């Protein structure tokens, strides 16, 4: 059985902070909002692409790669910079040294 749990703000308005559960929740990932065992809210990870956190860690290396490519070119545009970023991440995703990081 689940029941919505609300909290009152300083203006006197109530807002949902999760759901109180008895038993074990199923069908999804759940986030504990207040360190309790029974006040949960369903995590919504559909908005975050699965590789984004791992790829974001490599943004400094990507910028270095783009700068090296720009130094070699006589002229470049924003489209070229986007192409260089795509090249960097495509190579990174196909590397065999650390594929588990992206799978």
Protein backbone atom coordinates (compact mmCIF):
# COMPACT_ATOMS: atom_id res chain seq x y z
CA UNK A 1 0.00 0.00 0.00
CA UNK A 2 1.33 3.43 -0.87
CA UNK A 3 0.27 6.84 0.36
CA UNK A 4 1.42 10.25 -0.88
CA UNK A 5 3.48 12.23 1.68
CA UNK A 6 3.31 16.03 1.70
CA UNK A 7 5.36 18.76 3.37
CA UNK A 8 4.17 22.25 4.29
CA UNK A 9 6.29 25.23 3.17
CA UNK A 10 6.67 28.59 4.97
CA UNK A 11 3.72 30.08 3.02
CA UNK A 12 1.42 27.32 4.22
CA UNK A 13 1.32 25.48 0.89
CA UNK A 14 1.69 21.72 0.75
CA UNK A 15 3.85 19.91 -1.80
CA UNK A 16 4.53 16.27 -2.45
CA UNK A 17 7.82 14.89 -1.15
CA UNK A 18 7.28 11.23 -1.98
CA UNK A 19 5.23 8.20 -1.19
CA UNK A 20 5.09 6.22 2.02
CA UNK A 21 5.35 2.48 1.41
CA UNK A 22 4.63 -0.67 3.26
CA UNK A 23 6.40 -3.62 1.75
CA UNK A 24 8.80 -3.37 -1.16
CA UNK A 25 8.26 -1.04 -4.16
CA UNK A 26 8.69 -2.49 -7.62
CA UNK A 27 8.77 -1.42 -11.28
CA UNK A 28 11.52 1.16 -11.37
CA UNK A 29 14.31 2.89 -9.52
CA UNK A 30 13.44 4.66 -6.29
CA UNK A 31 15.08 7.60 -4.57
CA UNK A 32 14.97 8.01 -0.78
CA UNK A 33 14.39 11.70 -0.14
CA UNK A 34 14.75 11.96 3.62
CA UNK A 35 17.04 9.08 4.66
CA UNK A 36 14.06 7.09 5.88
CA UNK A 37 13.24 3.57 4.77
CA UNK A 38 9.70 4.28 3.66
CA UNK A 39 9.49 7.79 2.15
CA UNK A 40 10.34 7.21 -1.49
CA UNK A 41 9.83 8.88 -4.81
CA UNK A 42 10.27 7.16 -8.15
CA UNK A 43 13.47 8.23 -9.86
CA UNK A 44 13.07 9.62 -13.35
CA UNK A 45 16.28 8.93 -15.26
CA UNK A 46 14.68 9.07 -18.67
CA UNK A 47 15.72 12.72 -19.06
CA UNK A 48 19.44 11.94 -18.69
CA UNK A 49 21.08 10.08 -21.57
CA UNK A 50 22.80 7.00 -20.12
CA UNK A 51 26.29 7.95 -21.36
CA UNK A 52 26.14 11.63 -20.38
CA UNK A 53 27.82 11.41 -16.94
CA UNK A 54 30.71 9.32 -18.27
CA UNK A 55 31.14 11.53 -21.34
CA UNK A 56 30.98 14.75 -19.33
CA UNK A 57 34.03 13.63 -17.38
CA UNK A 58 35.97 13.71 -20.66
CA UNK A 59 34.98 17.30 -21.62
CA UNK A 60 38.46 18.75 -20.86
CA UNK A 61 40.08 16.11 -23.07
CA UNK A 62 37.53 16.86 -25.79
CA UNK A 63 38.33 20.58 -25.62
CA UNK A 64 42.06 19.78 -25.93
CA UNK A 65 41.35 17.61 -28.97
CA UNK A 66 39.29 20.39 -30.59
CA UNK A 67 42.04 22.95 -29.92
CA UNK A 68 44.67 20.68 -31.51
CA UNK A 69 42.48 20.22 -34.60
CA UNK A 70 41.89 23.99 -34.84
CA UNK A 71 45.63 24.67 -34.64
CA UNK A 72 46.17 22.39 -37.66
CA UNK A 73 43.41 24.02 -39.74
CA UNK A 74 43.81 27.21 -41.74
CA UNK A 75 40.16 28.10 -41.19
CA UNK A 76 37.44 26.63 -39.02
CA UNK A 77 33.84 27.23 -38.07
CA UNK A 78 31.48 26.20 -35.30
CA UNK A 79 30.42 23.32 -37.51
CA UNK A 80 34.03 22.15 -37.61
CA UNK A 81 34.23 22.34 -33.80
CA UNK A 82 31.08 20.22 -33.54
CA UNK A 83 32.57 17.74 -36.02
CA UNK A 84 35.78 17.53 -33.96
CA UNK A 85 33.77 16.91 -30.78
CA UNK A 86 31.82 14.16 -32.55
CA UNK A 87 35.09 12.60 -33.74
CA UNK A 88 36.54 12.68 -30.22
CA UNK A 89 33.52 11.05 -28.60
CA UNK A 90 33.09 8.51 -31.41
CA UNK A 91 36.68 7.39 -30.92
CA UNK A 92 36.22 7.33 -27.16
CA UNK A 93 33.09 5.20 -27.38
CA UNK A 94 34.77 2.67 -29.67
CA UNK A 95 37.97 2.31 -27.64
CA UNK A 96 38.61 -1.17 -26.36
CA UNK A 97 40.61 0.00 -23.32
CA UNK A 98 37.63 1.04 -21.19
CA UNK A 99 34.38 -0.01 -22.92
CA UNK A 100 32.77 -0.90 -19.58
CA UNK A 101 32.74 2.81 -18.71
CA UNK A 102 30.24 3.43 -21.50
CA UNK A 103 28.23 0.21 -21.57
